[in-house]
Amino acid sequence: RNYLSSAMAKLGARNRTEAARVARTRGWL
């Protein structure tokens, strides 16, 4: 899931939790 890593990198560490929540909602995790 390289695309997911890239997306999280763009968001930044501060939004890491938010990104994880969105990913979970979208069923990526």
PDB file of N, CA and C in Angstrom:
ATOM      1  N   ARG A   1       0.839  -1.191   0.000  1.00  0.00           N
ATOM      2  CA  ARG A   1       0.000   0.000   0.000  1.00  0.00           C
ATOM      3  C   ARG A   1       0.875   1.243   0.000  1.00  0.00           C
ATOM      4  N   ASN A   2       1.668   1.352  -1.031  1.00  0.00           N
ATOM      5  CA  ASN A   2       2.598   2.465  -1.151  1.00  0.00           C
ATOM      6  C   ASN A   2       1.853   3.786  -1.263  1.00  0.00           C
ATOM      7  N   TYR A   3       0.699   3.759  -1.931  1.00  0.00           N
ATOM      8  CA  TYR A   3      -0.080   4.992  -2.110  1.00  0.00           C
ATOM      9  C   TYR A   3      -0.548   5.537  -0.768  1.00  0.00           C
ATOM     10  N   LEU A   4      -0.855   4.634   0.152  1.00  0.00           N
ATOM     11  CA  LEU A   4      -1.308   5.053   1.470  1.00  0.00           C
ATOM     12  C   LEU A   4      -0.163   5.714   2.232  1.00  0.00           C
ATOM     13  N   SER A   5       1.034   5.147   2.107  1.00  0.00           N
ATOM     14  CA  SER A   5       2.208   5.709   2.768  1.00  0.00           C
ATOM     15  C   SER A   5       2.485   7.105   2.232  1.00  0.00           C
ATOM     16  N   SER A   6       2.348   7.260   0.932  1.00  0.00           N
ATOM     17  CA  SER A   6       2.581   8.560   0.307  1.00  0.00           C
ATOM     18  C   SER A   6       1.571   9.580   0.800  1.00  0.00           C
ATOM     19  N   ALA A   7       0.326   9.156   0.912  1.00  0.00           N
ATOM     20  CA  ALA A   7      -0.732  10.050   1.366  1.00  0.00           C
ATOM     21  C   ALA A   7      -0.470  10.498   2.797  1.00  0.00           C
ATOM     22  N   MET A   8      -0.063   9.563   3.643  1.00  0.00           N
ATOM     23  CA  MET A   8       0.210   9.881   5.043  1.00  0.00           C
ATOM     24  C   MET A   8       1.413  10.798   5.153  1.00  0.00           C
ATOM     25  N   ALA A   9       2.396  10.591   4.296  1.00  0.00           N
ATOM     26  CA  ALA A   9       3.598  11.422   4.306  1.00  0.00           C
ATOM     27  C   ALA A   9       3.239  12.862   3.958  1.00  0.00           C
ATOM     28  N   LYS A  10       2.316  13.021   3.016  1.00  0.00           N
ATOM     29  CA  LYS A  10       1.889  14.360   2.609  1.00  0.00           C
ATOM     30  C   LYS A  10       1.122  15.047   3.732  1.00  0.00           C
ATOM     31  N   LEU A  11       0.341  14.267   4.458  1.00  0.00           N
ATOM     32  CA  LEU A  11      -0.456  14.836   5.543  1.00  0.00           C
ATOM     33  C   LEU A  11       0.432  15.281   6.693  1.00  0.00           C
ATOM     34  N   GLY A  12       1.488  14.522   6.928  1.00  0.00           N
ATOM     35  CA  GLY A  12       2.390  14.871   8.013  1.00  0.00           C
ATOM     36  C   GLY A  12       2.081  14.084   9.268  1.00  0.00           C
ATOM     37  N   ALA A  13       3.062  13.982  10.169  1.00  0.00           N
ATOM     38  CA  ALA A  13       2.935  13.181  11.386  1.00  0.00           C
ATOM     39  C   ALA A  13       1.818  13.702  12.284  1.00  0.00           C
ATOM     40  N   ARG A  14       1.589  15.016  12.264  1.00  0.00           N
ATOM     41  CA  ARG A  14       0.578  15.600  13.146  1.00  0.00           C
ATOM     42  C   ARG A  14      -0.821  15.139  12.766  1.00  0.00           C
ATOM     43  N   ASN A  15      -1.008  14.790  11.506  1.00  0.00           N
ATOM     44  CA  ASN A  15      -2.322  14.333  11.054  1.00  0.00           C
ATOM     45  C   ASN A  15      -2.355  12.826  10.874  1.00  0.00           C
ATOM     46  N   ARG A  16      -1.358  12.168  11.439  1.00  0.00           N
ATOM     47  CA  ARG A  16      -1.225  10.723  11.284  1.00  0.00           C
ATOM     48  C   ARG A  16      -2.433   9.981  11.846  1.00  0.00           C
ATOM     49  N   THR A  17      -2.889  10.410  13.008  1.00  0.00           N
ATOM     50  CA  THR A  17      -4.053   9.772  13.630  1.00  0.00           C
ATOM     51  C   THR A  17      -5.295   9.996  12.782  1.00  0.00           C
ATOM     52  N   GLU A  18      -5.433  11.211  12.276  1.00  0.00           N
ATOM     53  CA  GLU A  18      -6.576  11.540  11.428  1.00  0.00           C
ATOM     54  C   GLU A  18      -6.560  10.696  10.162  1.00  0.00           C
ATOM     55  N   ALA A  19      -5.375  10.549   9.577  1.00  0.00           N
ATOM     56  CA  ALA A  19      -5.226   9.747   8.362  1.00  0.00           C
ATOM     57  C   ALA A  19      -5.604   8.301   8.630  1.00  0.00           C
ATOM     58  N   ALA A  20      -5.189   7.800   9.789  1.00  0.00           N
ATOM     59  CA  ALA A  20      -5.494   6.417  10.161  1.00  0.00           C
ATOM     60  C   ALA A  20      -7.001   6.235  10.320  1.00  0.00           C
ATOM     61  N   ARG A  21      -7.649   7.245  10.890  1.00  0.00           N
ATOM     62  CA  ARG A  21      -9.099   7.170  11.092  1.00  0.00           C
ATOM     63  C   ARG A  21      -9.824   7.162   9.745  1.00  0.00           C
ATOM     64  N   VAL A  22      -9.402   8.019   8.848  1.00  0.00           N
ATOM     65  CA  VAL A  22     -10.009   8.076   7.517  1.00  0.00           C
ATOM     66  C   VAL A  22      -9.784   6.768   6.776  1.00  0.00           C
ATOM     67  N   ALA A  23      -8.556   6.253   6.855  1.00  0.00           N
ATOM     68  CA  ALA A  23      -8.221   4.993   6.189  1.00  0.00           C
ATOM     69  C   ALA A  23      -9.085   3.866   6.728  1.00  0.00           C
ATOM     70  N   ARG A  24      -9.302   3.887   8.031  1.00  0.00           N
ATOM     71  CA  ARG A  24     -10.123   2.848   8.646  1.00  0.00           C
ATOM     72  C   ARG A  24     -11.572   2.956   8.174  1.00  0.00           C
ATOM     73  N   THR A  25     -12.042   4.200   8.055  1.00  0.00           N
ATOM     74  CA  THR A  25     -13.412   4.430   7.605  1.00  0.00           C
ATOM     75  C   THR A  25     -13.593   3.957   6.167  1.00  0.00           C
ATOM     76  N   ARG A  26     -12.551   4.164   5.362  1.00  0.00           N
ATOM     77  CA  ARG A  26     -12.607   3.764   3.956  1.00  0.00           C
ATOM     78  C   ARG A  26     -12.334   2.275   3.771  1.00  0.00           C
ATOM     79  N   GLY A  27     -11.976   1.602   4.877  1.00  0.00           N
ATOM     80  CA  GLY A  27     -11.746   0.166   4.800  1.00  0.00           C
ATOM     81  C   GLY A  27     -10.369  -0.188   4.270  1.00  0.00           C
ATOM     82  N   TRP A  28      -9.407   0.744   4.371  1.00  0.00           N
ATOM     83  CA  TRP A  28      -8.052   0.470   3.896  1.00  0.00           C
ATOM     84  C   TRP A  28      -7.257  -0.344   4.901  1.00  0.00           C
ATOM     85  N   LEU A  29      -7.720  -0.319   6.163  1.00  0.00           N
ATOM     86  CA  LEU A  29      -6.978  -1.038   7.213  1.00  0.00           C
ATOM     87  C   LEU A  29      -7.749  -2.276   7.635  1.00  0.00           C
TER      88      LEU A  29
END
